[in-house]
Amino acid sequence: MKQLREFAQRKADFDAQNAEIVAISIDDEAHNRKVWEEVAHKKVVVLSDLGANVIRQYGLLHPKGHDSQDIALRATLIVDQNGREVFRRVSSSVPDVRTADEILAELKSM
């Protein structure tokens, strides 16, 4: 949640890089709506992927990762306007999640 909150706070910086921030979660729509309103302050798109179809396609599913339930790996991807993935960082832990500054630096280097 910390990363999403930080990305929402830095939305203008991402807009300046012509970058759209989208969060995808296995959580249901009601939960994601609450996150969109209270954490992302309606500045970042938060999508529900209940069947983990998109998460699976990107190879980011951790089967039985929490209480024997499937979860999404924490990851940051940059996809270009042609739909090609040009950056991927899968975090090994919460402290390993990339910051907005790190992702903005990556965008600027492209």
N, C-alpha and C. Protein backbone atom coordinates (compact mmCIF):
# COMPACT_ATOMS: atom_id res chain seq x y z
N MET A 1 0.82 -1.20 0.00
CA MET A 1 0.00 0.00 0.00
C MET A 1 0.86 1.26 0.00
N LYS A 2 2.01 1.18 0.67
CA LYS A 2 2.88 2.35 0.75
C LYS A 2 3.31 2.79 -0.65
N GLN A 3 3.68 1.83 -1.50
CA GLN A 3 4.11 2.16 -2.85
C GLN A 3 2.98 2.83 -3.64
N LEU A 4 1.79 2.27 -3.55
CA LEU A 4 0.65 2.83 -4.28
C LEU A 4 0.35 4.25 -3.80
N ARG A 5 0.41 4.47 -2.51
CA ARG A 5 0.17 5.81 -1.95
C ARG A 5 1.23 6.79 -2.48
N GLU A 6 2.48 6.34 -2.48
CA GLU A 6 3.57 7.19 -2.96
C GLU A 6 3.41 7.50 -4.46
N PHE A 7 3.05 6.48 -5.26
CA PHE A 7 2.84 6.70 -6.69
C PHE A 7 1.70 7.69 -6.91
N ALA A 8 0.64 7.59 -6.14
CA ALA A 8 -0.49 8.51 -6.27
C ALA A 8 -0.06 9.94 -5.94
N GLN A 9 0.75 10.09 -4.91
CA GLN A 9 1.24 11.42 -4.53
C GLN A 9 2.13 12.02 -5.60
N ARG A 10 2.79 11.17 -6.38
CA ARG A 10 3.72 11.63 -7.42
C ARG A 10 3.11 11.57 -8.82
N LYS A 11 1.79 11.49 -8.90
CA LYS A 11 1.11 11.32 -10.18
C LYS A 11 1.54 12.38 -11.20
N ALA A 12 1.68 13.62 -10.80
CA ALA A 12 2.08 14.68 -11.73
C ALA A 12 3.45 14.39 -12.35
N ASP A 13 4.35 13.83 -11.56
CA ASP A 13 5.68 13.48 -12.08
C ASP A 13 5.59 12.35 -13.11
N PHE A 14 4.72 11.38 -12.85
CA PHE A 14 4.52 10.30 -13.81
C PHE A 14 3.83 10.82 -15.07
N ASP A 15 2.86 11.72 -14.89
CA ASP A 15 2.19 12.33 -16.04
C ASP A 15 3.21 13.06 -16.92
N ALA A 16 4.17 13.74 -16.30
CA ALA A 16 5.19 14.46 -17.06
C ALA A 16 6.06 13.51 -17.89
N GLN A 17 6.12 12.25 -17.48
CA GLN A 17 6.88 11.25 -18.23
C GLN A 17 5.96 10.47 -19.18
N ASN A 18 4.72 10.93 -19.31
CA ASN A 18 3.73 10.28 -20.17
C ASN A 18 3.50 8.82 -19.73
N ALA A 19 3.45 8.62 -18.42
CA ALA A 19 3.31 7.28 -17.85
C ALA A 19 1.98 7.16 -17.10
N GLU A 20 1.26 6.10 -17.36
CA GLU A 20 0.00 5.80 -16.67
C GLU A 20 0.30 4.73 -15.62
N ILE A 21 -0.14 4.96 -14.39
CA ILE A 21 0.07 3.99 -13.32
C ILE A 21 -1.19 3.15 -13.19
N VAL A 22 -1.01 1.83 -13.21
CA VAL A 22 -2.13 0.90 -13.06
C VAL A 22 -1.72 -0.16 -12.05
N ALA A 23 -2.55 -0.36 -11.04
CA ALA A 23 -2.33 -1.42 -10.06
C ALA A 23 -3.29 -2.56 -10.37
N ILE A 24 -2.80 -3.78 -10.31
CA ILE A 24 -3.64 -4.96 -10.55
C ILE A 24 -3.53 -5.86 -9.33
N SER A 25 -4.69 -6.29 -8.84
CA SER A 25 -4.75 -7.08 -7.61
C SER A 25 -5.72 -8.24 -7.76
N ILE A 26 -5.46 -9.29 -7.02
CA ILE A 26 -6.37 -10.44 -6.98
C ILE A 26 -7.59 -10.13 -6.09
N ASP A 27 -7.51 -9.07 -5.32
CA ASP A 27 -8.60 -8.72 -4.41
C ASP A 27 -9.87 -8.37 -5.18
N ASP A 28 -11.00 -8.49 -4.49
CA ASP A 28 -12.29 -8.23 -5.15
C ASP A 28 -12.50 -6.74 -5.38
N GLU A 29 -13.51 -6.44 -6.19
CA GLU A 29 -13.77 -5.06 -6.60
C GLU A 29 -14.07 -4.14 -5.42
N ALA A 30 -14.80 -4.64 -4.42
CA ALA A 30 -15.13 -3.80 -3.26
C ALA A 30 -13.86 -3.39 -2.52
N HIS A 31 -12.96 -4.33 -2.32
CA HIS A 31 -11.70 -4.02 -1.64
C HIS A 31 -10.87 -3.04 -2.47
N ASN A 32 -10.78 -3.31 -3.77
CA ASN A 32 -9.97 -2.45 -4.63
C ASN A 32 -10.56 -1.05 -4.76
N ARG A 33 -11.88 -0.95 -4.70
CA ARG A 33 -12.51 0.39 -4.73
C ARG A 33 -12.11 1.17 -3.48
N LYS A 34 -12.10 0.50 -2.34
CA LYS A 34 -11.69 1.15 -1.09
C LYS A 34 -10.23 1.60 -1.18
N VAL A 35 -9.37 0.75 -1.74
CA VAL A 35 -7.97 1.10 -1.92
C VAL A 35 -7.86 2.30 -2.88
N TRP A 36 -8.62 2.26 -3.97
CA TRP A 36 -8.60 3.35 -4.95
C TRP A 36 -8.99 4.68 -4.30
N GLU A 37 -10.01 4.64 -3.45
CA GLU A 37 -10.49 5.86 -2.81
C GLU A 37 -9.58 6.32 -1.66
N GLU A 38 -9.20 5.39 -0.78
CA GLU A 38 -8.52 5.76 0.47
C GLU A 38 -7.00 5.77 0.39
N VAL A 39 -6.43 4.94 -0.47
CA VAL A 39 -4.97 4.87 -0.57
C VAL A 39 -4.47 5.64 -1.79
N ALA A 40 -5.08 5.37 -2.93
CA ALA A 40 -4.65 6.01 -4.18
C ALA A 40 -5.33 7.36 -4.40
N HIS A 41 -6.28 7.70 -3.55
CA HIS A 41 -7.00 8.98 -3.64
C HIS A 41 -7.52 9.25 -5.05
N LYS A 42 -7.97 8.18 -5.70
CA LYS A 42 -8.58 8.22 -7.04
C LYS A 42 -7.62 8.74 -8.12
N LYS A 43 -6.32 8.66 -7.87
CA LYS A 43 -5.33 9.15 -8.83
C LYS A 43 -4.69 8.03 -9.63
N VAL A 44 -4.84 6.80 -9.18
CA VAL A 44 -4.20 5.65 -9.82
C VAL A 44 -5.29 4.61 -10.10
N VAL A 45 -5.27 4.04 -11.28
CA VAL A 45 -6.22 2.98 -11.64
C VAL A 45 -5.90 1.74 -10.82
N VAL A 46 -6.92 1.15 -10.19
CA VAL A 46 -6.76 -0.08 -9.42
C VAL A 46 -7.74 -1.10 -9.99
N LEU A 47 -7.21 -2.15 -10.59
CA LEU A 47 -8.03 -3.17 -11.25
C LEU A 47 -8.09 -4.46 -10.44
N SER A 48 -9.23 -5.13 -10.52
CA SER A 48 -9.40 -6.45 -9.90
C SER A 48 -9.16 -7.53 -10.96
N ASP A 49 -8.36 -8.50 -10.59
CA ASP A 49 -8.09 -9.65 -11.45
C ASP A 49 -8.41 -10.91 -10.63
N LEU A 50 -9.71 -11.08 -10.34
CA LEU A 50 -10.15 -12.14 -9.43
C LEU A 50 -9.65 -13.53 -9.83
N GLY A 51 -9.65 -13.84 -11.09
CA GLY A 51 -9.18 -15.15 -11.54
C GLY A 51 -7.68 -15.18 -11.76
N ALA A 52 -7.01 -14.07 -11.50
CA ALA A 52 -5.56 -13.93 -11.67
C ALA A 52 -5.13 -14.21 -13.11
N ASN A 53 -6.01 -13.94 -14.06
CA ASN A 53 -5.68 -14.20 -15.47
C ASN A 53 -4.53 -13.33 -15.96
N VAL A 54 -4.61 -12.04 -15.72
CA VAL A 54 -3.55 -11.13 -16.16
C VAL A 54 -2.28 -11.39 -15.36
N ILE A 55 -2.43 -11.57 -14.07
CA ILE A 55 -1.28 -11.82 -13.20
C ILE A 55 -0.55 -13.09 -13.65
N ARG A 56 -1.30 -14.12 -14.00
CA ARG A 56 -0.71 -15.37 -14.52
C ARG A 56 0.02 -15.13 -15.85
N GLN A 57 -0.60 -14.36 -16.74
CA GLN A 57 0.01 -14.09 -18.04
C GLN A 57 1.37 -13.40 -17.90
N TYR A 58 1.52 -12.60 -16.88
CA TYR A 58 2.79 -11.93 -16.63
C TYR A 58 3.73 -12.77 -15.76
N GLY A 59 3.29 -13.98 -15.38
CA GLY A 59 4.14 -14.86 -14.57
C GLY A 59 4.36 -14.35 -13.16
N LEU A 60 3.34 -13.69 -12.61
CA LEU A 60 3.49 -13.07 -11.30
C LEU A 60 2.57 -13.66 -10.23
N LEU A 61 2.18 -14.91 -10.41
CA LEU A 61 1.33 -15.57 -9.42
C LEU A 61 2.18 -16.40 -8.47
N HIS A 62 1.93 -16.26 -7.20
CA HIS A 62 2.59 -17.07 -6.18
C HIS A 62 1.53 -18.05 -5.66
N PRO A 63 1.50 -19.28 -6.24
CA PRO A 63 0.47 -20.25 -5.84
C PRO A 63 0.56 -20.57 -4.35
N LYS A 64 -0.58 -20.52 -3.70
CA LYS A 64 -0.68 -20.82 -2.27
C LYS A 64 0.33 -20.02 -1.45
N GLY A 65 0.47 -18.76 -1.83
CA GLY A 65 1.47 -17.90 -1.21
C GLY A 65 1.11 -17.36 0.16
N HIS A 66 -0.17 -17.39 0.51
CA HIS A 66 -0.58 -16.87 1.83
C HIS A 66 -1.78 -17.66 2.31
N ASP A 67 -1.65 -18.31 3.43
CA ASP A 67 -2.74 -19.12 3.99
C ASP A 67 -3.33 -20.08 2.95
N SER A 68 -2.45 -20.70 2.17
CA SER A 68 -2.82 -21.66 1.12
C SER A 68 -3.66 -21.04 0.01
N GLN A 69 -3.64 -19.72 -0.12
CA GLN A 69 -4.36 -19.05 -1.20
C GLN A 69 -3.35 -18.42 -2.16
N ASP A 70 -3.72 -18.39 -3.45
CA ASP A 70 -2.88 -17.76 -4.46
C ASP A 70 -2.81 -16.25 -4.21
N ILE A 71 -1.64 -15.69 -4.39
CA ILE A 71 -1.47 -14.24 -4.27
C ILE A 71 -0.60 -13.76 -5.44
N ALA A 72 -0.66 -12.50 -5.70
CA ALA A 72 0.20 -11.91 -6.73
C ALA A 72 1.53 -11.54 -6.09
N LEU A 73 2.61 -11.76 -6.83
CA LEU A 73 3.91 -11.29 -6.38
C LEU A 73 3.93 -9.77 -6.49
N ARG A 74 4.62 -9.13 -5.58
CA ARG A 74 4.76 -7.67 -5.67
C ARG A 74 5.74 -7.38 -6.81
N ALA A 75 5.29 -6.66 -7.78
CA ALA A 75 6.13 -6.38 -8.93
C ALA A 75 5.81 -5.02 -9.51
N THR A 76 6.80 -4.43 -10.15
CA THR A 76 6.62 -3.20 -10.89
C THR A 76 7.04 -3.46 -12.32
N LEU A 77 6.14 -3.20 -13.25
CA LEU A 77 6.42 -3.38 -14.68
C LEU A 77 6.25 -2.06 -15.39
N ILE A 78 7.06 -1.86 -16.40
CA ILE A 78 6.85 -0.73 -17.31
C ILE A 78 6.57 -1.35 -18.67
N VAL A 79 5.43 -0.96 -19.22
CA VAL A 79 5.00 -1.46 -20.53
C VAL A 79 4.93 -0.24 -21.45
N ASP A 80 5.57 -0.34 -22.62
CA ASP A 80 5.57 0.80 -23.53
C ASP A 80 4.24 0.93 -24.27
N GLN A 81 4.10 1.97 -25.07
CA GLN A 81 2.83 2.23 -25.76
C GLN A 81 2.48 1.15 -26.77
N ASN A 82 3.43 0.29 -27.12
CA ASN A 82 3.16 -0.83 -28.04
C ASN A 82 2.80 -2.11 -27.29
N GLY A 83 2.70 -2.01 -25.96
CA GLY A 83 2.33 -3.17 -25.16
C GLY A 83 3.49 -4.08 -24.82
N ARG A 84 4.72 -3.65 -25.12
CA ARG A 84 5.90 -4.46 -24.80
C ARG A 84 6.40 -4.12 -23.41
N GLU A 85 6.72 -5.16 -22.67
CA GLU A 85 7.31 -4.96 -21.35
C GLU A 85 8.76 -4.53 -21.53
N VAL A 86 9.12 -3.38 -20.94
CA VAL A 86 10.48 -2.87 -21.09
C VAL A 86 11.23 -2.80 -19.76
N PHE A 87 10.53 -3.08 -18.67
CA PHE A 87 11.17 -3.10 -17.34
C PHE A 87 10.36 -4.01 -16.44
N ARG A 88 11.06 -4.77 -15.61
CA ARG A 88 10.39 -5.64 -14.65
C ARG A 88 11.24 -5.71 -13.39
N ARG A 89 10.58 -5.52 -12.26
CA ARG A 89 11.25 -5.68 -10.98
C ARG A 89 10.28 -6.42 -10.07
N VAL A 90 10.60 -7.68 -9.76
CA VAL A 90 9.81 -8.48 -8.83
C VAL A 90 10.49 -8.34 -7.48
N SER A 91 9.75 -7.88 -6.49
CA SER A 91 10.31 -7.63 -5.17
C SER A 91 10.30 -8.90 -4.34
N SER A 92 11.38 -9.10 -3.60
CA SER A 92 11.49 -10.29 -2.76
C SER A 92 10.86 -10.08 -1.39
N SER A 93 10.60 -8.81 -1.04
CA SER A 93 9.98 -8.49 0.25
C SER A 93 9.41 -7.08 0.16
N VAL A 94 8.65 -6.71 1.16
CA VAL A 94 8.06 -5.36 1.16
C VAL A 94 9.15 -4.28 1.13
N PRO A 95 10.22 -4.39 1.92
CA PRO A 95 11.25 -3.35 1.85
C PRO A 95 11.95 -3.27 0.49
N ASP A 96 11.83 -4.32 -0.31
CA ASP A 96 12.48 -4.39 -1.61
C ASP A 96 11.64 -3.76 -2.72
N VAL A 97 10.45 -3.28 -2.42
CA VAL A 97 9.57 -2.67 -3.42
C VAL A 97 10.20 -1.36 -3.89
N ARG A 98 10.20 -1.13 -5.21
CA ARG A 98 10.80 0.07 -5.79
C ARG A 98 10.01 1.32 -5.41
N THR A 99 10.72 2.40 -5.19
CA THR A 99 10.08 3.67 -4.83
C THR A 99 9.68 4.42 -6.10
N ALA A 100 8.86 5.43 -5.93
CA ALA A 100 8.46 6.27 -7.06
C ALA A 100 9.69 6.93 -7.69
N ASP A 101 10.63 7.40 -6.88
CA ASP A 101 11.85 8.01 -7.41
C ASP A 101 12.63 7.03 -8.28
N GLU A 102 12.73 5.78 -7.84
CA GLU A 102 13.47 4.79 -8.61
C GLU A 102 12.78 4.49 -9.96
N ILE A 103 11.47 4.40 -9.94
CA ILE A 103 10.75 4.13 -11.17
C ILE A 103 10.78 5.34 -12.10
N LEU A 104 10.68 6.53 -11.54
CA LEU A 104 10.78 7.74 -12.36
C LEU A 104 12.16 7.84 -13.01
N ALA A 105 13.20 7.48 -12.28
CA ALA A 105 14.56 7.49 -12.83
C ALA A 105 14.67 6.49 -13.98
N GLU A 106 14.04 5.33 -13.82
CA GLU A 106 14.04 4.31 -14.87
C GLU A 106 13.31 4.84 -16.11
N LEU A 107 12.18 5.49 -15.91
CA LEU A 107 11.44 6.06 -17.04
C LEU A 107 12.26 7.12 -17.76
N LYS A 108 12.93 7.97 -17.01
CA LYS A 108 13.72 9.04 -17.61
C LYS A 108 14.91 8.49 -18.41
N SER A 109 15.41 7.32 -18.00
CA SER A 109 16.57 6.73 -18.69
C SER A 109 16.18 6.04 -19.99
N MET A 110 14.90 5.86 -20.23
CA MET A 110 14.43 5.13 -21.43
C MET A 110 14.35 6.04 -22.63
